[in-house]
Amino acid sequence: MRTPISSDAKCVSLRQHGSLNPHPERVKDALFQTHPFFDPRDLGQVKYEMLRRVLVDGQPVGVTAVTFGFSRVTLYQLRKRFETEGLAGLLPQPKGPRRASKLSE
């Protein structure tokens, strides 16, 4: 099994783009543990594979969410964003308010 966080080039790139999974150790899916293509540090890949398991393979939401280190609520939110925005909905969303809230006209 690989180390959860390292300083290799992929890790650095994922961190720069906001796609580094802060908790790769929570991903318990067998593919992410054994196959070198599946990287638990890649948050976009983890989210996509989690949604694919539910939408394509028909696996239960609760079990799938726990296996991939997320809550059911998060999985439902990702599913909604994926249905409206496609793959872009899986990318990290900017944090904080979208506009100023205390300014008057």
C-alpha atoms as a PDB file:
ATOM      1  CA  MET A   1       0.000   0.000   0.000  1.00  0.00           C
ATOM      2  CA  ARG A   2       1.279   3.497  -0.792  1.00  0.00           C
ATOM      3  CA  THR A   3       1.900   6.306   1.626  1.00  0.00           C
ATOM      4  CA  PRO A   4      -1.141   8.596   1.928  1.00  0.00           C
ATOM      5  CA  ILE A   5       0.640  11.913   1.396  1.00  0.00           C
ATOM      6  CA  SER A   6       3.968  12.385  -0.311  1.00  0.00           C
ATOM      7  CA  SER A   7       5.835  15.110  -2.108  1.00  0.00           C
ATOM      8  CA  ASP A   8       5.964  13.567  -5.592  1.00  0.00           C
ATOM      9  CA  ALA A   9       5.093  15.634  -8.670  1.00  0.00           C
ATOM     10  CA  LYS A  10       1.491  14.403  -8.846  1.00  0.00           C
ATOM     11  CA  CYS A  11       0.891  15.283  -5.210  1.00  0.00           C
ATOM     12  CA  VAL A  12       2.303  18.774  -5.751  1.00  0.00           C
ATOM     13  CA  SER A  13       0.117  19.280  -8.827  1.00  0.00           C
ATOM     14  CA  LEU A  14      -3.016  18.047  -7.061  1.00  0.00           C
ATOM     15  CA  ARG A  15      -2.334  20.415  -4.172  1.00  0.00           C
ATOM     16  CA  GLN A  16      -1.835  23.380  -6.536  1.00  0.00           C
ATOM     17  CA  HIS A  17      -5.164  22.694  -8.239  1.00  0.00           C
ATOM     18  CA  GLY A  18      -7.090  22.108  -5.018  1.00  0.00           C
ATOM     19  CA  SER A  19      -7.692  18.444  -5.875  1.00  0.00           C
ATOM     20  CA  LEU A  20      -5.569  16.792  -3.206  1.00  0.00           C
ATOM     21  CA  ASN A  21      -7.730  14.568  -1.043  1.00  0.00           C
ATOM     22  CA  PRO A  22      -7.145  15.682   2.566  1.00  0.00           C
ATOM     23  CA  HIS A  23      -8.043  12.186   3.833  1.00  0.00           C
ATOM     24  CA  PRO A  24      -6.838   9.539   1.357  1.00  0.00           C
ATOM     25  CA  GLU A  25      -6.663   7.025   4.196  1.00  0.00           C
ATOM     26  CA  ARG A  26     -10.490   7.034   4.375  1.00  0.00           C
ATOM     27  CA  VAL A  27     -10.786   5.560   0.856  1.00  0.00           C
ATOM     28  CA  LYS A  28     -11.274   1.843   1.518  1.00  0.00           C
ATOM     29  CA  ASP A  29     -12.369   0.761  -1.970  1.00  0.00           C
ATOM     30  CA  ALA A  30     -10.429  -2.275  -3.209  1.00  0.00           C
ATOM     31  CA  LEU A  31      -9.439  -0.684  -6.539  1.00  0.00           C
ATOM     32  CA  PHE A  32      -7.834   2.269  -4.771  1.00  0.00           C
ATOM     33  CA  GLN A  33      -5.920  -0.097  -2.499  1.00  0.00           C
ATOM     34  CA  THR A  34      -4.565  -2.465  -5.154  1.00  0.00           C
ATOM     35  CA  HIS A  35      -4.549  -0.925  -8.646  1.00  0.00           C
ATOM     36  CA  PRO A  36      -1.850   1.710  -9.340  1.00  0.00           C
ATOM     37  CA  PHE A  37      -4.105   3.698 -11.709  1.00  0.00           C
ATOM     38  CA  PHE A  38      -6.544   4.541  -8.918  1.00  0.00           C
ATOM     39  CA  ASP A  39      -5.017   7.100  -6.573  1.00  0.00           C
ATOM     40  CA  PRO A  40      -6.835   7.891  -3.308  1.00  0.00           C
ATOM     41  CA  ARG A  41      -5.021  11.249  -3.200  1.00  0.00           C
ATOM     42  CA  ASP A  42      -6.812  12.388  -6.399  1.00  0.00           C
ATOM     43  CA  LEU A  43     -10.085  13.838  -5.129  1.00  0.00           C
ATOM     44  CA  GLY A  44     -11.621  14.157  -8.598  1.00  0.00           C
ATOM     45  CA  GLN A  45     -10.936  10.512  -9.383  1.00  0.00           C
ATOM     46  CA  VAL A  46     -12.319   9.375  -6.026  1.00  0.00           C
ATOM     47  CA  LYS A  47     -15.519  11.402  -6.486  1.00  0.00           C
ATOM     48  CA  TYR A  48     -16.024  10.190 -10.052  1.00  0.00           C
ATOM     49  CA  GLU A  49     -15.518   6.531  -9.155  1.00  0.00           C
ATOM     50  CA  MET A  50     -17.834   6.884  -6.166  1.00  0.00           C
ATOM     51  CA  LEU A  51     -20.608   8.317  -8.356  1.00  0.00           C
ATOM     52  CA  ARG A  52     -20.007   5.680 -11.008  1.00  0.00           C
ATOM     53  CA  ARG A  53     -20.485   2.929  -8.440  1.00  0.00           C
ATOM     54  CA  VAL A  54     -23.885   4.339  -7.511  1.00  0.00           C
ATOM     55  CA  LEU A  55     -25.141   5.450 -10.942  1.00  0.00           C
ATOM     56  CA  VAL A  56     -23.756   2.666 -13.146  1.00  0.00           C
ATOM     57  CA  ASP A  57     -23.173  -0.299 -10.849  1.00  0.00           C
ATOM     58  CA  GLY A  58     -26.277   0.400  -8.734  1.00  0.00           C
ATOM     59  CA  GLN A  59     -24.508   0.041  -5.409  1.00  0.00           C
ATOM     60  CA  PRO A  60     -26.245   1.439  -2.288  1.00  0.00           C
ATOM     61  CA  VAL A  61     -25.482   5.079  -1.512  1.00  0.00           C
ATOM     62  CA  GLY A  62     -24.725   4.582   2.188  1.00  0.00           C
ATOM     63  CA  VAL A  63     -22.254   1.739   1.723  1.00  0.00           C
ATOM     64  CA  THR A  64     -20.561   3.434  -1.229  1.00  0.00           C
ATOM     65  CA  ALA A  65     -20.179   6.762   0.594  1.00  0.00           C
ATOM     66  CA  VAL A  66     -18.501   5.100   3.582  1.00  0.00           C
ATOM     67  CA  THR A  67     -16.242   3.005   1.328  1.00  0.00           C
ATOM     68  CA  PHE A  68     -14.990   6.173  -0.383  1.00  0.00           C
ATOM     69  CA  GLY A  69     -14.661   8.222   2.816  1.00  0.00           C
ATOM     70  CA  PHE A  70     -17.630  10.566   2.334  1.00  0.00           C
ATOM     71  CA  SER A  71     -21.030  11.060   3.933  1.00  0.00           C
ATOM     72  CA  ARG A  72     -24.299  10.188   2.181  1.00  0.00           C
ATOM     73  CA  VAL A  73     -25.205  13.888   2.146  1.00  0.00           C
ATOM     74  CA  THR A  74     -21.988  14.738   0.320  1.00  0.00           C
ATOM     75  CA  LEU A  75     -22.606  11.975  -2.210  1.00  0.00           C
ATOM     76  CA  TYR A  76     -26.121  13.296  -2.909  1.00  0.00           C
ATOM     77  CA  GLN A  77     -24.747  16.839  -3.313  1.00  0.00           C
ATOM     78  CA  LEU A  78     -22.064  15.585  -5.723  1.00  0.00           C
ATOM     79  CA  ARG A  79     -24.678  13.669  -7.692  1.00  0.00           C
ATOM     80  CA  LYS A  80     -26.832  16.777  -8.078  1.00  0.00           C
ATOM     81  CA  ARG A  81     -23.864  18.903  -9.176  1.00  0.00           C
ATOM     82  CA  PHE A  82     -22.738  16.167 -11.589  1.00  0.00           C
ATOM     83  CA  GLU A  83     -26.212  15.983 -13.139  1.00  0.00           C
ATOM     84  CA  THR A  84     -26.374  19.763 -13.667  1.00  0.00           C
ATOM     85  CA  GLU A  85     -22.725  20.588 -14.430  1.00  0.00           C
ATOM     86  CA  GLY A  86     -21.190  17.314 -15.635  1.00  0.00           C
ATOM     87  CA  LEU A  87     -17.581  16.564 -14.750  1.00  0.00           C
ATOM     88  CA  ALA A  88     -16.988  20.217 -13.866  1.00  0.00           C
ATOM     89  CA  GLY A  89     -19.327  19.710 -10.917  1.00  0.00           C
ATOM     90  CA  LEU A  90     -16.799  17.325  -9.371  1.00  0.00           C
ATOM     91  CA  LEU A  91     -14.017  19.896  -9.388  1.00  0.00           C
ATOM     92  CA  PRO A  92     -13.280  21.831  -6.198  1.00  0.00           C
ATOM     93  CA  GLN A  93     -15.728  24.662  -5.610  1.00  0.00           C
ATOM     94  CA  PRO A  94     -14.504  28.077  -4.427  1.00  0.00           C
ATOM     95  CA  LYS A  95     -15.126  28.564  -0.738  1.00  0.00           C
ATOM     96  CA  GLY A  96     -16.740  31.613   0.798  1.00  0.00           C
ATOM     97  CA  PRO A  97     -19.449  34.020  -0.300  1.00  0.00           C
ATOM     98  CA  ARG A  98     -20.105  34.606  -3.995  1.00  0.00           C
ATOM     99  CA  ARG A  99     -20.580  38.356  -3.551  1.00  0.00           C
ATOM    100  CA  ALA A 100     -20.475  41.042  -0.894  1.00  0.00           C
ATOM    101  CA  SER A 101     -23.386  40.774   1.504  1.00  0.00           C
ATOM    102  CA  LYS A 102     -23.168  44.002   3.521  1.00  0.00           C
ATOM    103  CA  LEU A 103     -22.874  46.583   0.766  1.00  0.00           C
ATOM    104  CA  SER A 104     -25.878  48.677  -0.124  1.00  0.00           C
ATOM    105  CA  GLU A 105     -26.636  50.213  -3.502  1.00  0.00           C
END
